[in-house]
Amino acid sequence: MIRSLKSKLIFAVAGLIIAFGALATVFSFYYIKGVIFDINIASIKDTTHERSHETERILDNVFNFTELLATRDQLTEYLEDPETFGHDDALDFLNLYNIEDSFLAIYVMDENGDTLVSTDPRFTGNNYGFRSYFKKAINGEANLSVVLGTTSKQLGYYFARPVTNSNNQTLGVVIIKMNPTNLDESMHFSLYGEREVMLLDEYGIIISSEEEGHLYNSIGKLTAAEKLEIKEERRFEGVEIKELTYQEPKDALDGLQEATVFQVYDERDGEEEIVSIVPIGDFPLFLFLEQSSSVYINLAKNIAYILSIIIVLAVLFSAAGVFWFINRILKPLGNLKEASQAVAKGNLGIRVDIKTGDELEDLANSFNKMTIRLQKNITDIENKVAERTATLEKINKHMIGRELKMVELKNKNKNKLDK
């Protein structure tokens, strides 16, 4: 099957447009994907920074409030002589600071870890000397610890500070147990959309999440030392701590100074995820934010899909334009083709009138000159043939006349001899 030059050019140009359009779509997809990924990473970092600062502010307020409470003379007097100050007076004093039940409990422990007085009567008389917050505070270190209460069975944020006398001697410890719902409400989980935000303790155990099923899971494998420490301090007594598959972020917790982003594979969901972790001030807590990679990939796909539609439309319009343009450009070639076919049939008088100002016009002029010259040559040949034919006819007549005379002479000679 012979195809015309026009169809070959149209198919060739259309093919090139489609090929380069496809390459442009693929390139655009990966470029857009990269741009969206970078924007998404920046957004996640900004979100974790912003939320960590807000969380830090809340914790700082309680931390400073605990310091204020620990420096009250009433607590010093009570620890120095509990019988003189009186248990009821101490309880009334603590209740003054527990405004509108902002805290789950405020209590005071002696140097042995025994709870002397508490706004939650269940704590009074119990010994919590095994808690890390008591051990650190009795040694002069103000601290925060997040544990599951052995008495209340409630998760609490325990702010502990040493209570000292004028000689800087530690007499005991004051503890404020903050209600975790106060911090959860500040997280504004609904604002994160498809992102999931969680709070982690120093071991990487989830202590706050919108998904209840995530609570008390570790984001990665706990070391033997960590498991032993958690068990001895009875941090999450009676709870089975499950280990998730965010091992790289888990390993990075120790020494983490700023927001860090990881790409991990979540075996629970069976997909790639972006994880951002940022420490919350100087507290042993971390803000953990995760988002499925499919979010930005789908966005890139949608943009690439729209782009591909635009490219397809551009191809169609380009093909139509190319068809019109090539048809116009190659129309003179059609005229030349018709003229050449006429010449092939013997019509040498045909002429081609092409005024394009380019090689096609030169070709048409050359074709016209060729037909003129060919017609002239044929005319000259015909004239020469006619002249030669006339000459040959004269020669033939002359030769025939001579032969007739020769025959006549032969006959005469023969008659003479016969006589």
Protein backbone atom coordinates (compact mmCIF):
# COMPACT_ATOMS: atom_id res chain seq x y z
CA MET A 1 0.00 0.00 0.00
CA ILE A 2 1.50 3.28 -1.15
CA ARG A 3 0.85 6.26 1.12
CA SER A 4 0.92 9.82 -0.03
CA LEU A 5 3.60 12.21 1.11
CA LYS A 6 0.92 14.27 2.80
CA SER A 7 -0.33 11.39 4.95
CA LYS A 8 3.24 10.43 5.83
CA LEU A 9 4.01 13.95 6.97
CA ILE A 10 0.77 14.20 8.96
CA PHE A 11 1.34 10.88 10.71
CA ALA A 12 4.99 11.71 11.35
CA VAL A 13 4.24 15.13 12.85
CA ALA A 14 1.27 13.81 14.87
CA GLY A 15 3.42 10.96 16.16
CA LEU A 16 6.14 13.35 17.25
CA ILE A 17 3.59 15.57 18.99
CA ILE A 18 2.11 12.58 20.84
CA ALA A 19 5.55 11.22 21.77
CA PHE A 20 6.82 14.53 23.09
CA GLY A 21 3.45 15.15 24.75
CA ALA A 22 3.73 11.82 26.58
CA LEU A 23 7.30 12.62 27.62
CA ALA A 24 6.16 16.05 28.80
CA THR A 25 3.37 14.44 30.84
CA VAL A 26 5.72 11.95 32.50
CA PHE A 27 8.33 14.62 33.18
CA SER A 28 5.66 16.98 34.52
CA PHE A 29 4.27 14.26 36.79
CA TYR A 30 7.61 13.57 38.44
CA TYR A 31 8.50 17.25 38.61
CA ILE A 32 5.12 18.18 40.10
CA LYS A 33 5.36 15.20 42.44
CA GLY A 34 8.74 16.45 43.67
CA VAL A 35 7.48 20.02 44.09
CA ILE A 36 4.36 18.88 45.95
CA PHE A 37 6.49 16.59 48.11
CA ASP A 38 8.80 19.46 49.04
CA ILE A 39 5.85 21.73 49.78
CA ASN A 40 4.23 18.97 51.82
CA ILE A 41 7.41 18.37 53.79
CA ALA A 42 7.70 22.09 54.53
CA SER A 43 4.04 22.18 55.56
CA ILE A 44 4.45 19.19 57.86
CA LYS A 45 7.52 20.74 59.45
CA ASP A 46 5.70 24.03 59.98
CA THR A 47 2.72 22.21 61.47
CA THR A 48 4.83 20.19 63.88
CA HIS A 49 6.81 23.27 64.91
CA GLU A 50 3.66 25.32 65.46
CA ARG A 51 1.87 22.62 67.43
CA SER A 52 4.97 21.74 69.46
CA HIS A 53 5.34 25.39 70.50
CA GLU A 54 1.70 25.52 71.58
CA THR A 55 2.08 22.27 73.54
CA GLU A 56 5.32 23.54 75.07
CA ARG A 57 3.57 26.74 76.18
CA ILE A 58 0.87 24.75 78.00
CA LEU A 59 3.42 22.51 79.68
CA ASP A 60 5.59 25.47 80.62
CA ASN A 61 2.64 27.13 82.34
CA VAL A 62 2.04 24.08 84.52
CA PHE A 63 5.77 23.61 85.06
CA ASN A 64 6.14 27.19 86.28
CA PHE A 65 2.98 26.87 88.34
CA THR A 66 4.52 23.85 90.07
CA GLU A 67 7.62 25.93 90.84
CA LEU A 68 5.45 28.65 92.30
CA LEU A 69 3.65 26.12 94.49
CA ALA A 70 6.90 24.48 95.60
CA THR A 71 8.26 27.80 96.91
CA ARG A 72 5.26 28.55 99.16
CA ASP A 73 6.18 28.83 102.82
CA GLN A 74 3.11 26.82 103.78
CA LEU A 75 4.54 23.69 102.14
CA THR A 76 7.91 24.20 103.79
CA GLU A 77 6.28 24.63 107.18
CA TYR A 78 4.09 21.60 106.64
CA LEU A 79 6.99 19.32 105.65
CA GLU A 80 9.15 20.58 108.49
CA ASP A 81 6.40 19.95 111.07
CA PRO A 82 3.29 18.21 109.66
CA GLU A 83 1.61 18.01 113.07
CA THR A 84 1.91 21.75 113.80
CA PHE A 85 0.75 22.99 110.39
CA GLY A 86 -1.96 20.35 110.23
CA HIS A 87 -3.15 18.00 107.50
CA ASP A 88 -6.43 19.82 106.92
CA ASP A 89 -4.70 23.18 106.58
CA ALA A 90 -2.30 21.68 104.04
CA LEU A 91 -5.20 20.17 102.09
CA ASP A 92 -7.06 23.47 102.06
CA PHE A 93 -3.90 25.15 100.80
CA LEU A 94 -3.53 22.66 97.92
CA ASN A 95 -7.20 22.99 96.99
CA LEU A 96 -6.70 26.73 96.61
CA TYR A 97 -4.29 26.01 93.75
CA ASN A 98 -6.51 23.41 92.11
CA ILE A 99 -8.80 26.04 90.61
CA GLU A 100 -11.88 24.58 88.91
CA ASP A 101 -10.27 21.16 89.09
CA SER A 102 -7.66 22.12 86.49
CA PHE A 103 -5.57 19.19 87.69
CA LEU A 104 -6.39 15.60 88.48
CA ALA A 105 -4.48 15.87 91.73
CA ILE A 106 -2.00 17.96 93.69
CA TYR A 107 -0.12 16.10 96.39
CA VAL A 108 2.91 16.31 98.62
CA MET A 109 5.34 13.46 99.33
CA ASP A 110 7.96 13.24 102.04
CA GLU A 111 11.57 12.30 101.44
CA ASN A 112 10.68 8.60 101.59
CA GLY A 113 8.08 8.79 98.83
CA ASP A 114 5.01 8.57 101.10
CA THR A 115 2.08 10.77 100.11
CA LEU A 116 1.25 12.99 103.09
CA VAL A 117 -1.60 15.02 101.64
CA SER A 118 -3.46 15.05 98.30
CA THR A 119 -6.45 16.69 96.69
CA ASP A 120 -7.30 13.17 95.51
CA PRO A 121 -7.80 11.27 98.78
CA ARG A 122 -6.98 7.98 97.05
CA PHE A 123 -3.32 9.01 96.87
CA THR A 124 -2.92 9.83 100.57
CA GLY A 125 -0.88 7.28 102.44
CA ASN A 126 0.48 5.57 99.31
CA ASN A 127 4.16 5.32 98.58
CA TYR A 128 5.25 6.32 95.09
CA GLY A 129 8.95 6.29 95.73
CA PHE A 130 9.41 3.97 92.75
CA ARG A 131 8.32 6.70 90.34
CA SER A 132 11.04 8.41 88.32
CA TYR A 133 9.47 11.81 88.88
CA PHE A 134 9.92 11.38 92.66
CA LYS A 135 13.47 10.06 92.35
CA LYS A 136 14.54 13.00 90.21
CA ALA A 137 12.74 15.61 92.30
CA ILE A 138 14.06 14.34 95.63
CA ASN A 139 17.52 14.74 94.12
CA GLY A 140 16.76 18.36 93.29
CA GLU A 141 15.68 18.02 89.65
CA ALA A 142 12.34 19.49 88.60
CA ASN A 143 10.84 17.23 85.96
CA LEU A 144 7.84 15.99 84.03
CA SER A 145 6.86 12.36 83.66
CA VAL A 146 3.90 10.84 81.81
CA VAL A 147 2.69 7.60 83.36
CA LEU A 148 -0.43 5.56 83.91
CA GLY A 149 -1.49 5.94 87.53
CA THR A 150 -1.28 2.78 89.62
CA THR A 151 -4.02 4.08 91.89
CA SER A 152 -6.29 6.07 89.59
CA LYS A 153 -5.62 3.92 86.48
CA GLN A 154 -5.62 7.20 84.56
CA LEU A 155 -2.90 8.60 82.34
CA GLY A 156 -1.44 11.74 83.83
CA TYR A 157 1.25 14.34 83.24
CA TYR A 158 3.15 14.47 86.54
CA PHE A 159 5.03 17.71 87.24
CA ALA A 160 7.35 17.28 90.22
CA ARG A 161 9.53 19.77 92.09
CA PRO A 162 11.54 19.53 95.27
CA VAL A 163 10.41 21.52 98.30
CA THR A 164 13.41 22.97 100.15
CA ASN A 165 13.96 25.01 103.31
CA SER A 166 16.08 28.10 103.85
CA ASN A 167 19.17 25.92 104.11
CA ASN A 168 18.45 24.48 100.64
CA GLN A 169 17.71 21.12 102.22
CA THR A 170 15.16 19.01 100.31
CA LEU A 171 12.24 18.24 102.59
CA GLY A 172 9.95 16.53 100.13
CA VAL A 173 8.33 16.76 96.74
CA VAL A 174 5.21 18.48 95.43
CA ILE A 175 3.48 16.92 92.42
CA ILE A 176 0.83 18.28 90.10
CA LYS A 177 -0.95 15.69 88.00
CA MET A 178 -2.30 17.45 84.92
CA ASN A 179 -5.38 16.13 83.21
CA PRO A 180 -4.29 14.84 79.73
CA THR A 181 -7.57 16.00 78.19
CA ASN A 182 -6.43 19.61 78.66
CA LEU A 183 -3.51 18.91 76.38
CA ASP A 184 -5.55 16.77 73.98
CA GLU A 185 -8.05 19.58 73.50
CA SER A 186 -5.24 21.95 72.57
CA MET A 187 -4.10 19.58 69.84
CA HIS A 188 -7.13 20.38 67.64
CA PHE A 189 -6.98 17.00 65.90
CA SER A 190 -9.70 17.96 63.42
CA LEU A 191 -7.48 20.66 61.89
CA TYR A 192 -4.98 18.15 60.55
CA GLY A 193 -7.24 16.64 57.88
CA GLU A 194 -5.60 13.49 56.57
CA ARG A 195 -2.64 13.89 58.87
CA GLU A 196 -2.50 12.05 62.18
CA VAL A 197 -0.86 13.76 65.13
CA MET A 198 0.27 12.01 68.31
CA LEU A 199 2.31 12.70 71.43
CA LEU A 200 5.15 10.37 72.40
CA ASP A 201 7.01 9.97 75.65
CA GLU A 202 10.76 9.61 75.90
CA TYR A 203 10.53 5.91 74.98
CA GLY A 204 8.51 6.52 71.84
CA ILE A 205 5.28 5.27 73.43
CA ILE A 206 2.12 6.97 72.17
CA ILE A 207 0.45 8.81 75.05
CA SER A 208 -2.01 10.92 73.07
CA SER A 209 -3.77 10.20 69.79
CA GLU A 210 -7.14 10.72 68.17
CA GLU A 211 -7.11 6.98 67.45
CA GLU A 212 -7.64 5.21 70.75
CA GLY A 213 -6.20 2.01 69.31
CA HIS A 214 -2.81 3.73 69.04
CA LEU A 215 -2.53 4.57 72.74
CA TYR A 216 0.32 2.90 74.64
CA ASN A 217 1.86 1.48 71.46
CA SER A 218 5.54 2.07 70.88
CA ILE A 219 6.40 3.47 67.45
CA GLY A 220 9.31 1.02 67.24
CA LYS A 221 11.00 -1.81 69.09
CA LEU A 222 11.91 -1.11 72.71
CA THR A 223 15.34 -2.10 73.93
CA ALA A 224 15.71 -4.54 76.79
CA ALA A 225 16.92 -1.70 79.04
CA GLU A 226 13.88 0.41 78.17
CA LYS A 227 11.50 -2.46 78.87
CA LEU A 228 13.14 -3.10 82.23
CA GLU A 229 13.01 0.59 83.19
CA ILE A 230 9.34 0.88 82.19
CA LYS A 231 8.54 -2.23 84.22
CA GLU A 232 10.47 -1.16 87.34
CA GLU A 233 8.90 2.30 87.34
CA ARG A 234 5.48 0.78 86.62
CA ARG A 235 4.85 3.42 83.97
CA PHE A 236 2.14 1.52 82.11
CA GLU A 237 1.27 -1.20 84.55
CA GLY A 238 -1.26 -3.72 83.27
CA VAL A 239 -0.98 -2.51 79.65
CA GLU A 240 0.47 -4.57 76.82
CA ILE A 241 2.72 -2.27 74.84
CA LYS A 242 2.63 -3.19 71.17
CA GLU A 243 5.49 -2.24 68.86
CA LEU A 244 4.81 -0.52 65.53
CA THR A 245 7.09 -0.34 62.51
CA TYR A 246 8.48 3.19 62.73
CA GLN A 247 11.91 1.99 63.75
CA GLU A 248 13.98 4.71 62.09
CA PRO A 249 12.04 7.53 63.81
CA LYS A 250 12.18 5.55 67.07
CA ASP A 251 15.98 5.26 66.87
CA ALA A 252 16.23 9.00 66.15
CA LEU A 253 14.45 10.06 69.36
CA ASP A 254 17.64 9.95 71.38
CA GLY A 255 19.41 13.21 70.68
CA LEU A 256 16.69 14.67 68.42
CA GLN A 257 17.01 18.48 68.44
CA GLU A 258 14.70 19.73 65.71
CA ALA A 259 11.85 18.66 63.46
CA THR A 260 12.97 15.72 61.35
CA VAL A 261 11.09 14.10 58.48
CA PHE A 262 11.24 10.40 57.58
CA GLN A 263 9.77 8.31 54.79
CA VAL A 264 8.68 4.99 56.24
CA TYR A 265 6.57 2.01 55.26
CA ASP A 266 3.59 1.45 57.54
CA GLU A 267 2.84 -2.27 57.65
CA ARG A 268 -0.53 -1.60 59.29
CA ASP A 269 -1.82 0.37 56.31
CA GLY A 270 0.46 -1.24 53.75
CA GLU A 271 1.64 2.07 52.29
CA GLU A 272 4.44 4.60 52.35
CA GLU A 273 4.06 7.43 54.85
CA ILE A 274 5.74 10.70 55.70
CA VAL A 275 6.56 11.06 59.38
CA SER A 276 7.69 14.23 61.15
CA ILE A 277 8.94 14.23 64.75
CA VAL A 278 9.87 17.27 66.81
CA PRO A 279 10.90 17.49 70.48
CA ILE A 280 8.65 19.61 72.71
CA GLY A 281 11.02 22.06 74.30
CA ASP A 282 13.15 20.50 77.04
CA PHE A 283 10.40 18.13 78.08
CA PRO A 284 10.76 14.36 77.52
CA LEU A 285 7.97 14.47 74.95
CA PHE A 286 7.78 14.45 71.17
CA LEU A 287 5.17 15.51 68.69
CA PHE A 288 4.67 12.84 66.05
CA LEU A 289 2.85 13.62 62.80
CA GLU A 290 2.23 11.16 59.99
CA GLN A 291 0.64 11.43 56.58
CA SER A 292 0.18 8.91 53.81
CA SER A 293 2.39 9.52 50.78
CA SER A 294 -0.62 8.77 48.60
CA VAL A 295 -2.00 12.22 49.45
CA TYR A 296 0.63 14.13 47.50
CA ILE A 297 1.06 11.34 44.94
CA ASN A 298 -2.67 11.43 44.14
CA LEU A 299 -2.50 15.20 43.90
CA ALA A 300 0.41 14.91 41.45
CA LYS A 301 -1.52 12.27 39.50
CA ASN A 302 -4.57 14.52 39.28
CA ILE A 303 -2.46 17.39 37.99
CA ALA A 304 -0.73 15.05 35.51
CA TYR A 305 -4.15 13.71 34.45
CA ILE A 306 -5.40 17.23 33.77
CA LEU A 307 -2.16 18.00 31.97
CA SER A 308 -2.51 14.87 29.83
CA ILE A 309 -6.02 15.94 28.82
CA ILE A 310 -4.67 19.34 27.85
CA ILE A 311 -1.89 17.65 25.86
CA VAL A 312 -4.39 15.36 24.09
CA LEU A 313 -6.50 18.35 23.14
CA ALA A 314 -3.37 20.15 22.00
CA VAL A 315 -2.43 17.11 19.90
CA LEU A 316 -5.85 17.06 18.27
CA PHE A 317 -5.80 20.75 17.50
CA SER A 318 -2.17 20.51 16.40
CA ALA A 319 -2.98 17.58 14.12
CA ALA A 320 -5.85 19.55 12.58
CA GLY A 321 -3.56 22.53 12.15
CA VAL A 322 -0.82 20.36 10.71
CA PHE A 323 -3.31 18.73 8.30
CA TRP A 324 -4.52 22.14 7.12
CA PHE A 325 -1.00 23.53 6.86
CA ILE A 326 0.48 20.50 5.11
CA ASN A 327 -2.52 20.30 2.79
CA ARG A 328 -1.98 23.92 1.85
CA ILE A 329 1.77 23.54 1.50
CA LEU A 330 1.54 20.35 -0.57
CA LYS A 331 -1.32 21.47 -2.82
CA PRO A 332 1.16 22.69 -5.49
CA LEU A 333 2.70 19.22 -5.45
CA GLY A 334 -0.73 17.88 -6.36
CA ASN A 335 -0.83 20.22 -9.31
CA LEU A 336 2.63 19.06 -10.35
CA LYS A 337 1.51 15.46 -10.02
CA GLU A 338 -1.53 16.05 -12.28
CA ALA A 339 0.62 17.88 -14.81
CA SER A 340 3.23 15.11 -14.86
CA GLN A 341 0.48 12.53 -15.40
CA ALA A 342 -0.85 14.61 -18.31
CA VAL A 343 2.63 14.81 -19.78
CA ALA A 344 2.96 11.06 -19.39
CA LYS A 345 -0.19 10.76 -21.52
CA GLY A 346 1.34 12.97 -24.20
CA ASN A 347 -0.11 16.36 -23.31
CA LEU A 348 2.98 18.51 -23.64
CA GLY A 349 1.07 21.73 -23.84
CA ILE A 350 0.09 21.70 -20.15
CA ARG A 351 1.64 24.33 -17.87
CA VAL A 352 1.77 24.64 -14.04
CA ASP A 353 1.08 28.00 -12.45
CA ILE A 354 2.55 28.01 -8.90
CA LYS A 355 3.33 31.24 -7.09
CA THR A 356 4.64 30.25 -3.66
CA GLY A 357 7.94 32.07 -3.73
CA ASP A 358 9.87 29.01 -2.65
CA GLU A 359 11.37 25.79 -4.01
CA LEU A 360 7.96 24.62 -5.20
CA GLU A 361 7.69 27.64 -7.51
CA ASP A 362 11.21 26.92 -8.77
CA LEU A 363 10.20 23.31 -9.34
CA ALA A 364 7.10 24.41 -11.26
CA ASN A 365 9.14 26.78 -13.44
CA SER A 366 11.63 24.01 -14.11
CA PHE A 367 8.75 21.68 -14.99
CA ASN A 368 7.32 24.24 -17.42
CA LYS A 369 10.72 24.79 -19.00
CA MET A 370 11.17 21.05 -19.27
CA THR A 371 7.81 20.56 -21.01
CA ILE A 372 8.51 23.50 -23.35
CA ARG A 373 11.92 22.12 -24.21
CA LEU A 374 10.53 18.61 -24.53
CA GLN A 375 7.77 19.88 -26.82
CA LYS A 376 10.30 21.82 -28.88
CA ASN A 377 12.62 18.83 -29.09
CA ILE A 378 9.78 16.60 -30.16
CA THR A 379 8.70 19.18 -32.77
CA ASP A 380 12.27 19.45 -34.07
CA ILE A 381 12.53 15.69 -34.22
CA GLU A 382 9.24 15.45 -36.04
CA ASN A 383 10.39 18.11 -38.57
CA LYS A 384 13.65 16.32 -39.13
CA VAL A 385 11.85 13.04 -39.52
CA ALA A 386 9.52 14.66 -42.06
CA GLU A 387 12.45 16.12 -44.01
CA ARG A 388 14.23 12.80 -43.98
CA THR A 389 11.09 11.07 -45.04
CA ALA A 390 10.62 13.47 -47.97
CA THR A 391 14.23 13.02 -49.00
CA LEU A 392 13.90 9.26 -48.82
CA GLU A 393 10.75 9.40 -50.88
CA LYS A 394 12.58 11.38 -53.58
CA ILE A 395 15.46 8.95 -53.50
CA ASN A 396 13.04 6.06 -53.69
CA LYS A 397 11.27 7.58 -56.68
CA HIS A 398 14.57 8.20 -58.42
CA MET A 399 15.77 4.67 -57.74
CA ILE A 400 12.49 3.20 -58.91
CA GLY A 401 12.71 5.26 -62.15
CA ARG A 402 16.23 4.01 -62.79
CA GLU A 403 15.23 0.44 -62.19
CA LEU A 404 12.33 0.80 -64.60
CA LYS A 405 14.65 2.21 -67.25
CA MET A 406 17.09 -0.63 -66.65
CA VAL A 407 14.33 -3.17 -67.09
CA GLU A 408 13.20 -1.43 -70.25
CA LEU A 409 16.73 -1.46 -71.66
CA LYS A 410 17.14 -5.10 -70.79
CA ASN A 411 13.94 -5.91 -72.64
CA LYS A 412 15.05 -3.94 -75.69
CA ASN A 413 18.40 -5.68 -75.77
CA LYS A 414 16.74 -9.01 -75.46
CA ASN A 415 14.44 -8.31 -78.42
CA LYS A 416 17.36 -7.29 -80.56
CA LEU A 417 19.18 -10.45 -79.86
CA ASP A 418 16.15 -12.52 -80.63
CA LYS A 419 15.92 -10.99 -84.11
